[in-house]
């Protein structure tokens, strides 16, 4: 049993490092887009970026990004203070994040 636990500790450490690197990349790239504000989450596997300076309607933002090939969750689904925001997951392969962020940057120009 302890051998299994030792292996799972190493696995959890790798997963934590993987997710932290992806989160930092996503926050940095989104924050570099003019009009987008994104802070690091305190937990979970998602960022909740503020696009309201570009598109105040999270439903319209959702459609715009879906048309560009990027799936997000409209912020308004999390309450009225989520309007203009989008929830995006970073617990996925880094190359997926890069492709999605490239599409977001291109679409918001």
Protein backbone atom coordinates (compact mmCIF):
# COMPACT_ATOMS: atom_id res chain seq x y z
CA UNK A 1 0.00 0.00 0.00
CA UNK A 2 2.74 2.50 0.86
CA UNK A 3 4.41 1.90 -2.53
CA UNK A 4 1.15 2.90 -4.20
CA UNK A 5 0.89 6.02 -2.06
CA UNK A 6 4.46 7.02 -2.87
CA UNK A 7 3.71 6.66 -6.57
CA UNK A 8 0.50 8.64 -6.26
CA UNK A 9 2.34 11.45 -4.45
CA UNK A 10 4.76 11.73 -7.37
CA UNK A 11 1.87 11.67 -9.84
CA UNK A 12 -0.03 14.38 -7.96
CA UNK A 13 3.10 16.52 -7.86
CA UNK A 14 3.51 16.21 -11.65
CA UNK A 15 -0.16 17.02 -12.24
CA UNK A 16 0.08 20.05 -9.94
CA UNK A 17 3.16 21.35 -11.78
CA UNK A 18 1.48 20.71 -15.15
CA UNK A 19 -1.66 22.61 -14.15
CA UNK A 20 0.28 25.47 -12.58
CA UNK A 21 2.37 25.95 -15.74
CA UNK A 22 -0.75 25.92 -17.93
CA UNK A 23 -2.57 28.34 -15.63
CA UNK A 24 0.36 30.76 -15.59
CA UNK A 25 0.60 30.61 -19.39
CA UNK A 26 -3.12 31.22 -19.82
CA UNK A 27 -3.22 34.12 -17.34
CA UNK A 28 -0.15 35.76 -18.91
CA UNK A 29 -1.36 35.45 -22.50
CA UNK A 30 -4.90 36.58 -21.75
CA UNK A 31 -3.65 39.51 -19.66
CA UNK A 32 -1.45 40.60 -22.58
CA UNK A 33 -4.50 41.08 -24.82
CA UNK A 34 -5.59 44.74 -24.72
CA UNK A 35 -8.96 44.99 -22.96
CA UNK A 36 -8.74 41.60 -21.21
CA UNK A 37 -8.17 41.22 -17.48
CA UNK A 38 -7.29 37.86 -16.02
CA UNK A 39 -6.00 36.99 -12.58
CA UNK A 40 -4.73 33.66 -11.31
CA UNK A 41 -7.42 31.58 -9.64
CA UNK A 42 -6.96 30.53 -6.03
CA UNK A 43 -8.01 26.96 -6.81
CA UNK A 44 -9.64 24.76 -9.41
CA UNK A 45 -8.78 24.20 -13.04
CA UNK A 46 -10.33 27.31 -14.58
CA UNK A 47 -9.64 30.99 -15.15
CA UNK A 48 -12.48 33.51 -15.16
CA UNK A 49 -11.24 36.19 -17.55
CA UNK A 50 -12.88 39.60 -17.92
CA UNK A 51 -13.49 40.55 -21.57
CA UNK A 52 -16.07 43.25 -20.76
CA UNK A 53 -13.95 46.07 -22.21
CA UNK A 54 -14.11 44.25 -25.56
CA UNK A 55 -17.50 42.54 -25.35
CA UNK A 56 -19.81 43.35 -22.43
CA UNK A 57 -22.17 40.44 -23.19
CA UNK A 58 -20.78 37.07 -22.14
CA UNK A 59 -23.32 35.37 -24.46
CA UNK A 60 -22.06 37.37 -27.45
CA UNK A 61 -18.47 36.69 -26.39
CA UNK A 62 -19.31 32.98 -26.20
CA UNK A 63 -20.71 33.02 -29.75
CA UNK A 64 -17.79 35.04 -31.08
CA UNK A 65 -15.23 32.66 -29.58
CA UNK A 66 -17.20 29.54 -30.58
CA UNK A 67 -17.25 30.84 -34.17
CA UNK A 68 -13.45 31.10 -33.88
CA UNK A 69 -13.27 27.48 -32.68
CA UNK A 70 -12.80 28.07 -28.95
CA UNK A 71 -15.22 26.70 -26.36
CA UNK A 72 -15.73 28.79 -23.23
CA UNK A 73 -18.49 29.01 -20.64
CA UNK A 74 -20.30 32.38 -20.59
CA UNK A 75 -19.65 34.14 -17.31
CA UNK A 76 -23.30 35.08 -16.85
CA UNK A 77 -23.96 31.38 -16.09
CA UNK A 78 -22.22 32.08 -12.76
CA UNK A 79 -24.40 35.07 -11.88
CA UNK A 80 -24.88 38.66 -12.97
CA UNK A 81 -21.35 39.66 -11.90
CA UNK A 82 -20.06 37.21 -14.53
CA UNK A 83 -21.39 39.30 -17.39
CA UNK A 84 -18.59 40.08 -19.85
CA UNK A 85 -16.49 37.21 -18.51
CA UNK A 86 -15.69 33.71 -19.71
CA UNK A 87 -14.63 30.61 -17.83
CA UNK A 88 -11.84 28.59 -19.45
CA UNK A 89 -10.22 25.34 -18.37
CA UNK A 90 -6.44 24.94 -18.25
CA UNK A 91 -6.25 21.25 -17.24
CA UNK A 92 -5.55 20.12 -20.79
CA UNK A 93 -2.48 19.67 -22.99
CA UNK A 94 -0.38 22.83 -23.32
CA UNK A 95 -0.56 22.73 -27.13
CA UNK A 96 -4.39 22.94 -26.89
CA UNK A 97 -4.07 26.03 -24.73
CA UNK A 98 -1.65 27.60 -27.20
CA UNK A 99 -3.97 26.95 -30.16
CA UNK A 100 -7.00 28.32 -28.32
CA UNK A 101 -5.17 31.42 -27.13
CA UNK A 102 -3.88 32.02 -30.68
CA UNK A 103 -7.48 31.89 -31.91
CA UNK A 104 -8.70 34.19 -29.12
CA UNK A 105 -5.95 36.73 -29.85
CA UNK A 106 -6.72 36.66 -33.58
CA UNK A 107 -10.47 36.98 -33.05
CA UNK A 108 -10.21 39.89 -30.62
CA UNK A 109 -7.90 42.03 -32.77
